[in-house]
Amino acid sequence: MNGVYIVIPALNEEKKIGQVVQDVLQCGYKNVLVVDDRSNDTTGAVAKAAGAVVITHKLNRGKGAATRTGIVAASRLGADVVVTIDGDGQHFPTDITALVEPILQGECDAVLGYRPFVRTSMPWYKIGHNFIANGITTMYAGIRVKDSQSGLRAYSHKACQLLDTKSDSYEYESEIIYLIAFHKLIFKEVPISVVYTEYSKNKVHKQNITNGIKTVYKMVLNRLS
């Protein structure tokens, strides 16, 4: 898996980032890049101690900007496939292989993980938020996907060169869908597992209804600029 790079955008994730990095490494993926988006805690140091290469933003720029930084860095390092995964522990690194294989086999340019939208695995308010976000993204991008906000995704080298995003915050996830449609990239969707802990649900910088309204505004603004 030397050609596969795992990018983890992170902000104030010192409690979880070490375990996430270790779990990814234990799955056999040795190239782990953590982009510390100017955390106020020891996220960067913990990630480095766990075995990741850490890139630190001098200013807090947002999840989208941190993800973009990681993808650009991985591409310059010669990545054949770049996988993005959240740093709060909600994703299972064991799902990465299912995203990587279709790209390595030449079946597609991007693979999007989609979460189960059921009450047994996702809080009701997140189900509602994602339902709305999926509808808005469909209108915005012109294509329908099962989960427009998932952070667990994989991209080929070709896709990384074409997905030139402008978004710095959470609208980044939807902009990727728009660019996949715009460049007519072949994509595949695969089911992934997810776990929501009190830690992940209570993080103040996570997406919510207020941020969702801002996301819609930024999505439209980015496409008009």
C-alpha atoms as a PDB file:
ATOM      1  CA  MET A   1       0.000   0.000   0.000  1.00  0.00           C
ATOM      2  CA  ASN A   2       2.960   2.321  -0.556  1.00  0.00           C
ATOM      3  CA  GLY A   3       1.022   4.341  -3.154  1.00  0.00           C
ATOM      4  CA  VAL A   4      -1.933   4.947  -0.831  1.00  0.00           C
ATOM      5  CA  TYR A   5      -1.843   8.053   1.359  1.00  0.00           C
ATOM      6  CA  ILE A   6      -4.285   8.678   4.195  1.00  0.00           C
ATOM      7  CA  VAL A   7      -5.124  12.333   4.876  1.00  0.00           C
ATOM      8  CA  ILE A   8      -6.630  13.271   8.240  1.00  0.00           C
ATOM      9  CA  PRO A   9      -7.735  16.899   8.750  1.00  0.00           C
ATOM     10  CA  ALA A  10      -7.783  17.642  12.456  1.00  0.00           C
ATOM     11  CA  LEU A  11      -8.725  20.461  14.809  1.00  0.00           C
ATOM     12  CA  ASN A  12      -8.381  20.029  18.577  1.00  0.00           C
ATOM     13  CA  GLU A  13      -8.465  16.235  18.356  1.00  0.00           C
ATOM     14  CA  GLU A  14      -5.790  15.387  20.939  1.00  0.00           C
ATOM     15  CA  LYS A  15      -8.149  12.916  22.656  1.00  0.00           C
ATOM     16  CA  LYS A  16      -8.758  10.827  19.535  1.00  0.00           C
ATOM     17  CA  ILE A  17      -6.162  11.527  16.852  1.00  0.00           C
ATOM     18  CA  GLY A  18      -3.509   9.212  18.278  1.00  0.00           C
ATOM     19  CA  GLN A  19      -5.830   6.217  18.215  1.00  0.00           C
ATOM     20  CA  VAL A  20      -7.060   7.072  14.725  1.00  0.00           C
ATOM     21  CA  VAL A  21      -3.493   7.203  13.400  1.00  0.00           C
ATOM     22  CA  GLN A  22      -2.577   3.948  15.135  1.00  0.00           C
ATOM     23  CA  ASP A  23      -5.676   2.190  13.773  1.00  0.00           C
ATOM     24  CA  VAL A  24      -4.856   3.322  10.224  1.00  0.00           C
ATOM     25  CA  LEU A  25      -1.257   2.123  10.566  1.00  0.00           C
ATOM     26  CA  GLN A  26      -2.417  -1.224  11.936  1.00  0.00           C
ATOM     27  CA  CYS A  27      -4.529  -1.668   8.784  1.00  0.00           C
ATOM     28  CA  GLY A  28      -1.323  -1.593   6.758  1.00  0.00           C
ATOM     29  CA  TYR A  29      -1.387   1.991   5.488  1.00  0.00           C
ATOM     30  CA  LYS A  30       2.004   3.520   6.242  1.00  0.00           C
ATOM     31  CA  ASN A  31       1.625   6.953   4.641  1.00  0.00           C
ATOM     32  CA  VAL A  32      -0.477   8.941   7.089  1.00  0.00           C
ATOM     33  CA  LEU A  33      -0.652  12.729   6.824  1.00  0.00           C
ATOM     34  CA  VAL A  34      -2.373  14.667   9.592  1.00  0.00           C
ATOM     35  CA  VAL A  35      -3.123  18.295   8.817  1.00  0.00           C
ATOM     36  CA  ASP A  36      -3.361  20.178  12.099  1.00  0.00           C
ATOM     37  CA  ASP A  37      -5.619  23.154  11.369  1.00  0.00           C
ATOM     38  CA  ARG A  38      -4.015  25.376  14.024  1.00  0.00           C
ATOM     39  CA  SER A  39      -5.322  23.444  17.022  1.00  0.00           C
ATOM     40  CA  ASN A  40      -5.287  24.949  20.493  1.00  0.00           C
ATOM     41  CA  ASP A  41      -4.206  21.647  22.027  1.00  0.00           C
ATOM     42  CA  THR A  42      -1.544  18.994  21.403  1.00  0.00           C
ATOM     43  CA  THR A  43      -3.184  17.425  18.334  1.00  0.00           C
ATOM     44  CA  GLY A  44      -0.053  17.757  16.213  1.00  0.00           C
ATOM     45  CA  ALA A  45       2.299  16.347  18.817  1.00  0.00           C
ATOM     46  CA  VAL A  46       0.017  13.400  19.594  1.00  0.00           C
ATOM     47  CA  ALA A  47      -0.395  12.595  15.888  1.00  0.00           C
ATOM     48  CA  LYS A  48       3.360  12.715  15.317  1.00  0.00           C
ATOM     49  CA  ALA A  49       4.032  10.491  18.318  1.00  0.00           C
ATOM     50  CA  ALA A  50       1.499   7.989  16.958  1.00  0.00           C
ATOM     51  CA  GLY A  51       3.406   7.745  13.674  1.00  0.00           C
ATOM     52  CA  ALA A  52       1.888  10.336  11.341  1.00  0.00           C
ATOM     53  CA  VAL A  53       3.586  13.014   9.304  1.00  0.00           C
ATOM     54  CA  VAL A  54       2.105  16.281  10.548  1.00  0.00           C
ATOM     55  CA  ILE A  55       1.482  19.427   8.511  1.00  0.00           C
ATOM     56  CA  THR A  56       0.461  22.442  10.594  1.00  0.00           C
ATOM     57  CA  HIS A  57      -1.517  25.425   9.385  1.00  0.00           C
ATOM     58  CA  LYS A  58      -0.272  28.705  10.818  1.00  0.00           C
ATOM     59  CA  LEU A  59      -3.882  29.923  10.891  1.00  0.00           C
ATOM     60  CA  ASN A  60      -7.138  28.057  11.462  1.00  0.00           C
ATOM     61  CA  ARG A  61      -8.653  27.810   7.980  1.00  0.00           C
ATOM     62  CA  GLY A  62     -11.368  25.150   8.196  1.00  0.00           C
ATOM     63  CA  LYS A  63     -11.843  21.475   7.454  1.00  0.00           C
ATOM     64  CA  GLY A  64     -12.006  21.968   3.703  1.00  0.00           C
ATOM     65  CA  ALA A  65      -8.732  23.872   3.611  1.00  0.00           C
ATOM     66  CA  ALA A  66      -7.043  21.286   5.827  1.00  0.00           C
ATOM     67  CA  THR A  67      -8.262  18.450   3.623  1.00  0.00           C
ATOM     68  CA  ARG A  68      -7.079  20.269   0.495  1.00  0.00           C
ATOM     69  CA  THR A  69      -3.645  20.836   2.037  1.00  0.00           C
ATOM     70  CA  GLY A  70      -3.342  17.124   2.765  1.00  0.00           C
ATOM     71  CA  ILE A  71      -4.443  16.051  -0.708  1.00  0.00           C
ATOM     72  CA  VAL A  72      -2.010  18.445  -2.397  1.00  0.00           C
ATOM     73  CA  ALA A  73       0.833  17.253  -0.156  1.00  0.00           C
ATOM     74  CA  ALA A  74       0.039  13.580  -0.781  1.00  0.00           C
ATOM     75  CA  SER A  75      -0.105  14.167  -4.546  1.00  0.00           C
ATOM     76  CA  ARG A  76       3.288  15.870  -4.516  1.00  0.00           C
ATOM     77  CA  LEU A  77       4.692  12.920  -2.598  1.00  0.00           C
ATOM     78  CA  GLY A  78       3.600  10.608  -5.404  1.00  0.00           C
ATOM     79  CA  ALA A  79       0.320   9.185  -4.117  1.00  0.00           C
ATOM     80  CA  ASP A  80      -1.582   6.909  -6.485  1.00  0.00           C
ATOM     81  CA  VAL A  81      -4.639   7.060  -4.231  1.00  0.00           C
ATOM     82  CA  VAL A  82      -5.522   9.580  -1.534  1.00  0.00           C
ATOM     83  CA  VAL A  83      -8.013   8.668   1.190  1.00  0.00           C
ATOM     84  CA  THR A  84      -9.561  11.251   3.503  1.00  0.00           C
ATOM     85  CA  ILE A  85     -10.829  10.225   6.933  1.00  0.00           C
ATOM     86  CA  ASP A  86     -12.054  12.260   9.905  1.00  0.00           C
ATOM     87  CA  GLY A  87      -9.867  12.621  12.966  1.00  0.00           C
ATOM     88  CA  ASP A  88     -12.538  12.174  15.652  1.00  0.00           C
ATOM     89  CA  GLY A  89     -12.721   8.381  15.524  1.00  0.00           C
ATOM     90  CA  GLN A  90     -16.179   8.084  13.956  1.00  0.00           C
ATOM     91  CA  HIS A  91     -14.874   6.145  10.940  1.00  0.00           C
ATOM     92  CA  PHE A  92     -13.437   2.644  10.838  1.00  0.00           C
ATOM     93  CA  PRO A  93     -10.049   2.397   9.077  1.00  0.00           C
ATOM     94  CA  THR A  94     -10.973  -1.188   8.182  1.00  0.00           C
ATOM     95  CA  ASP A  95     -13.335   0.342   5.604  1.00  0.00           C
ATOM     96  CA  ILE A  96     -10.484   2.018   3.726  1.00  0.00           C
ATOM     97  CA  THR A  97      -9.679  -1.039   1.594  1.00  0.00           C
ATOM     98  CA  ALA A  98     -13.200  -1.059   0.121  1.00  0.00           C
ATOM     99  CA  LEU A  99     -12.649   2.526  -1.059  1.00  0.00           C
ATOM    100  CA  VAL A 100      -9.135   2.011  -2.381  1.00  0.00           C
ATOM    101  CA  GLU A 101      -9.565  -1.207  -4.370  1.00  0.00           C
ATOM    102  CA  PRO A 102     -11.952   0.104  -7.066  1.00  0.00           C
ATOM    103  CA  ILE A 103      -9.481   2.881  -7.876  1.00  0.00           C
ATOM    104  CA  LEU A 104      -6.469   0.567  -7.922  1.00  0.00           C
ATOM    105  CA  GLN A 105      -8.407  -1.745 -10.251  1.00  0.00           C
ATOM    106  CA  GLY A 106      -9.084   1.166 -12.622  1.00  0.00           C
ATOM    107  CA  GLU A 107     -12.848   1.024 -12.137  1.00  0.00           C
ATOM    108  CA  CYS A 108     -13.316   4.669 -11.155  1.00  0.00           C
ATOM    109  CA  ASP A 109     -11.679   7.983 -10.262  1.00  0.00           C
ATOM    110  CA  ALA A 110     -13.317   8.504  -6.872  1.00  0.00           C
ATOM    111  CA  VAL A 111     -15.025   6.402  -4.227  1.00  0.00           C
ATOM    112  CA  LEU A 112     -17.457   7.948  -1.755  1.00  0.00           C
ATOM    113  CA  GLY A 113     -18.241   6.215   1.498  1.00  0.00           C
ATOM    114  CA  TYR A 114     -21.865   6.445   2.603  1.00  0.00           C
ATOM    115  CA  ARG A 115     -23.152   6.010   6.124  1.00  0.00           C
ATOM    116  CA  PRO A 116     -26.304   4.146   7.194  1.00  0.00           C
ATOM    117  CA  PHE A 117     -28.990   6.752   7.878  1.00  0.00           C
ATOM    118  CA  VAL A 118     -30.816   4.784  10.575  1.00  0.00           C
ATOM    119  CA  ARG A 119     -31.525   5.688  14.195  1.00  0.00           C
ATOM    120  CA  THR A 120     -29.545   2.704  15.490  1.00  0.00           C
ATOM    121  CA  SER A 121     -26.299   4.106  14.084  1.00  0.00           C
ATOM    122  CA  MET A 122     -26.875   7.857  13.671  1.00  0.00           C
ATOM    123  CA  PRO A 123     -28.568  10.514  15.864  1.00  0.00           C
ATOM    124  CA  TRP A 124     -31.929  11.695  14.496  1.00  0.00           C
ATOM    125  CA  TYR A 125     -30.785  15.289  14.016  1.00  0.00           C
ATOM    126  CA  LYS A 126     -27.850  14.142  11.881  1.00  0.00           C
ATOM    127  CA  ILE A 127     -30.207  12.062   9.753  1.00  0.00           C
ATOM    128  CA  GLY A 128     -32.343  15.174   9.204  1.00  0.00           C
ATOM    129  CA  HIS A 129     -29.359  17.378   8.481  1.00  0.00           C
ATOM    130  CA  ASN A 130     -27.917  14.949   5.965  1.00  0.00           C
ATOM    131  CA  PHE A 131     -31.278  14.498   4.241  1.00  0.00           C
ATOM    132  CA  ILE A 132     -31.440  18.259   3.678  1.00  0.00           C
ATOM    133  CA  ALA A 133     -27.767  18.467   2.701  1.00  0.00           C
ATOM    134  CA  ASN A 134     -28.175  15.654   0.173  1.00  0.00           C
ATOM    135  CA  GLY A 135     -31.096  17.452  -1.452  1.00  0.00           C
ATOM    136  CA  ILE A 136     -29.245  20.755  -1.666  1.00  0.00           C
ATOM    137  CA  THR A 137     -26.121  19.071  -3.017  1.00  0.00           C
ATOM    138  CA  THR A 138     -28.178  17.301  -5.697  1.00  0.00           C
ATOM    139  CA  MET A 139     -29.506  20.649  -6.914  1.00  0.00           C
ATOM    140  CA  TYR A 140     -26.080  22.261  -6.603  1.00  0.00           C
ATOM    141  CA  ALA A 141     -24.039  19.518  -8.306  1.00  0.00           C
ATOM    142  CA  GLY A 142     -26.596  18.040 -10.679  1.00  0.00           C
ATOM    143  CA  ILE A 143     -25.959  14.469  -9.559  1.00  0.00           C
ATOM    144  CA  ARG A 144     -27.437  12.457  -6.700  1.00  0.00           C
ATOM    145  CA  VAL A 145     -25.250  10.731  -4.125  1.00  0.00           C
ATOM    146  CA  LYS A 146     -26.216   8.718  -1.068  1.00  0.00           C
ATOM    147  CA  ASP A 147     -24.126  10.741   1.410  1.00  0.00           C
ATOM    148  CA  SER A 148     -22.957  14.192   0.361  1.00  0.00           C
ATOM    149  CA  GLN A 149     -21.296  14.958   3.704  1.00  0.00           C
ATOM    150  CA  SER A 150     -19.230  11.857   4.382  1.00  0.00           C
ATOM    151  CA  GLY A 151     -15.593  12.517   5.247  1.00  0.00           C
ATOM    152  CA  LEU A 152     -14.398   9.033   4.273  1.00  0.00           C
ATOM    153  CA  ARG A 153     -13.549   9.190   0.570  1.00  0.00           C
ATOM    154  CA  ALA A 154     -10.844   8.103  -1.862  1.00  0.00           C
ATOM    155  CA  TYR A 155      -9.465   9.772  -4.968  1.00  0.00           C
ATOM    156  CA  SER A 156      -7.185   8.706  -7.800  1.00  0.00           C
ATOM    157  CA  HIS A 157      -4.145  10.772  -8.780  1.00  0.00           C
ATOM    158  CA  LYS A 158      -6.152  12.075 -11.751  1.00  0.00           C
ATOM    159  CA  ALA A 159      -9.038  13.130  -9.508  1.00  0.00           C
ATOM    160  CA  CYS A 160      -6.685  14.915  -7.100  1.00  0.00           C
ATOM    161  CA  GLN A 161      -5.398  17.050  -9.982  1.00  0.00           C
ATOM    162  CA  LEU A 162      -8.885  17.974 -11.191  1.00  0.00           C
ATOM    163  CA  LEU A 163     -10.707  18.534  -7.889  1.00  0.00           C
ATOM    164  CA  ASP A 164      -9.435  22.083  -7.440  1.00  0.00           C
ATOM    165  CA  THR A 165     -11.638  23.228  -4.581  1.00  0.00           C
ATOM    166  CA  LYS A 166     -12.190  26.745  -3.274  1.00  0.00           C
ATOM    167  CA  SER A 167     -14.124  25.943  -0.118  1.00  0.00           C
ATOM    168  CA  ASP A 168     -12.384  26.165   3.236  1.00  0.00           C
ATOM    169  CA  SER A 169     -15.131  24.941   5.549  1.00  0.00           C
ATOM    170  CA  TYR A 170     -17.791  22.199   5.563  1.00  0.00           C
ATOM    171  CA  GLU A 171     -19.147  23.171   2.145  1.00  0.00           C
ATOM    172  CA  TYR A 172     -16.004  21.462   0.850  1.00  0.00           C
ATOM    173  CA  GLU A 173     -17.723  18.062   0.944  1.00  0.00           C
ATOM    174  CA  SER A 174     -20.495  19.247  -1.389  1.00  0.00           C
ATOM    175  CA  GLU A 175     -18.094  21.113  -3.670  1.00  0.00           C
ATOM    176  CA  ILE A 176     -16.242  17.843  -4.282  1.00  0.00           C
ATOM    177  CA  ILE A 177     -19.499  16.330  -5.570  1.00  0.00           C
ATOM    178  CA  TYR A 178     -20.009  19.322  -7.855  1.00  0.00           C
ATOM    179  CA  LEU A 179     -16.473  18.983  -9.267  1.00  0.00           C
ATOM    180  CA  ILE A 180     -16.861  15.230  -9.792  1.00  0.00           C
ATOM    181  CA  ALA A 181     -19.922  16.010 -11.921  1.00  0.00           C
ATOM    182  CA  PHE A 182     -18.282  18.975 -13.661  1.00  0.00           C
ATOM    183  CA  HIS A 183     -15.235  16.956 -14.725  1.00  0.00           C
ATOM    184  CA  LYS A 184     -17.381  13.903 -15.526  1.00  0.00           C
ATOM    185  CA  LEU A 185     -15.288  11.699 -13.255  1.00  0.00           C
ATOM    186  CA  ILE A 186     -16.368   8.113 -12.760  1.00  0.00           C
ATOM    187  CA  PHE A 187     -17.293   7.538  -9.136  1.00  0.00           C
ATOM    188  CA  LYS A 188     -18.513   4.692  -7.000  1.00  0.00           C
ATOM    189  CA  GLU A 189     -20.300   4.645  -3.641  1.00  0.00           C
ATOM    190  CA  VAL A 190     -19.601   2.032  -0.982  1.00  0.00           C
ATOM    191  CA  PRO A 191     -21.212   1.517   2.433  1.00  0.00           C
ATOM    192  CA  ILE A 192     -19.127   2.350   5.493  1.00  0.00           C
ATOM    193  CA  SER A 193     -19.572   1.913   9.221  1.00  0.00           C
ATOM    194  CA  VAL A 194     -19.711   4.813  11.642  1.00  0.00           C
ATOM    195  CA  VAL A 195     -19.850   5.313  15.392  1.00  0.00           C
ATOM    196  CA  TYR A 196     -21.035   8.458  17.162  1.00  0.00           C
ATOM    197  CA  THR A 197     -19.716   8.936  20.678  1.00  0.00           C
ATOM    198  CA  GLU A 198     -20.564  11.707  23.125  1.00  0.00           C
ATOM    199  CA  TYR A 199     -17.163  13.157  22.256  1.00  0.00           C
ATOM    200  CA  SER A 200     -17.880  13.450  18.532  1.00  0.00           C
ATOM    201  CA  LYS A 201     -21.457  14.650  19.021  1.00  0.00           C
ATOM    202  CA  ASN A 202     -20.440  17.411  21.426  1.00  0.00           C
ATOM    203  CA  LYS A 203     -17.635  18.981  19.433  1.00  0.00           C
ATOM    204  CA  VAL A 204     -18.444  22.652  18.891  1.00  0.00           C
ATOM    205  CA  HIS A 205     -16.840  22.869  15.446  1.00  0.00           C
ATOM    206  CA  LYS A 206     -18.896  20.045  13.934  1.00  0.00           C
ATOM    207  CA  GLN A 207     -21.615  20.701  11.399  1.00  0.00           C
ATOM    208  CA  ASN A 208     -25.009  21.831  12.736  1.00  0.00           C
ATOM    209  CA  ILE A 209     -28.122  23.635  11.474  1.00  0.00           C
ATOM    210  CA  THR A 210     -26.562  27.108  11.785  1.00  0.00           C
ATOM    211  CA  ASN A 211     -23.410  25.983  10.025  1.00  0.00           C
ATOM    212  CA  GLY A 212     -25.605  24.245   7.465  1.00  0.00           C
ATOM    213  CA  ILE A 213     -27.211  27.560   6.473  1.00  0.00           C
ATOM    214  CA  LYS A 214     -23.759  29.124   6.177  1.00  0.00           C
ATOM    215  CA  THR A 215     -22.658  26.146   4.099  1.00  0.00           C
ATOM    216  CA  VAL A 216     -25.450  26.660   1.560  1.00  0.00           C
ATOM    217  CA  TYR A 217     -24.591  30.357   1.270  1.00  0.00           C
ATOM    218  CA  LYS A 218     -20.899  29.635   0.744  1.00  0.00           C
ATOM    219  CA  MET A 219     -21.606  26.916  -1.795  1.00  0.00           C
ATOM    220  CA  VAL A 220     -23.588  29.330  -3.953  1.00  0.00           C
ATOM    221  CA  LEU A 221     -21.084  32.150  -3.465  1.00  0.00           C
ATOM    222  CA  ASN A 222     -18.134  29.951  -4.447  1.00  0.00           C
ATOM    223  CA  ARG A 223     -19.757  28.907  -7.689  1.00  0.00           C
ATOM    224  CA  LEU A 224     -20.668  32.496  -8.614  1.00  0.00           C
ATOM    225  CA  SER A 225     -17.171  33.828  -7.932  1.00  0.00           C
END
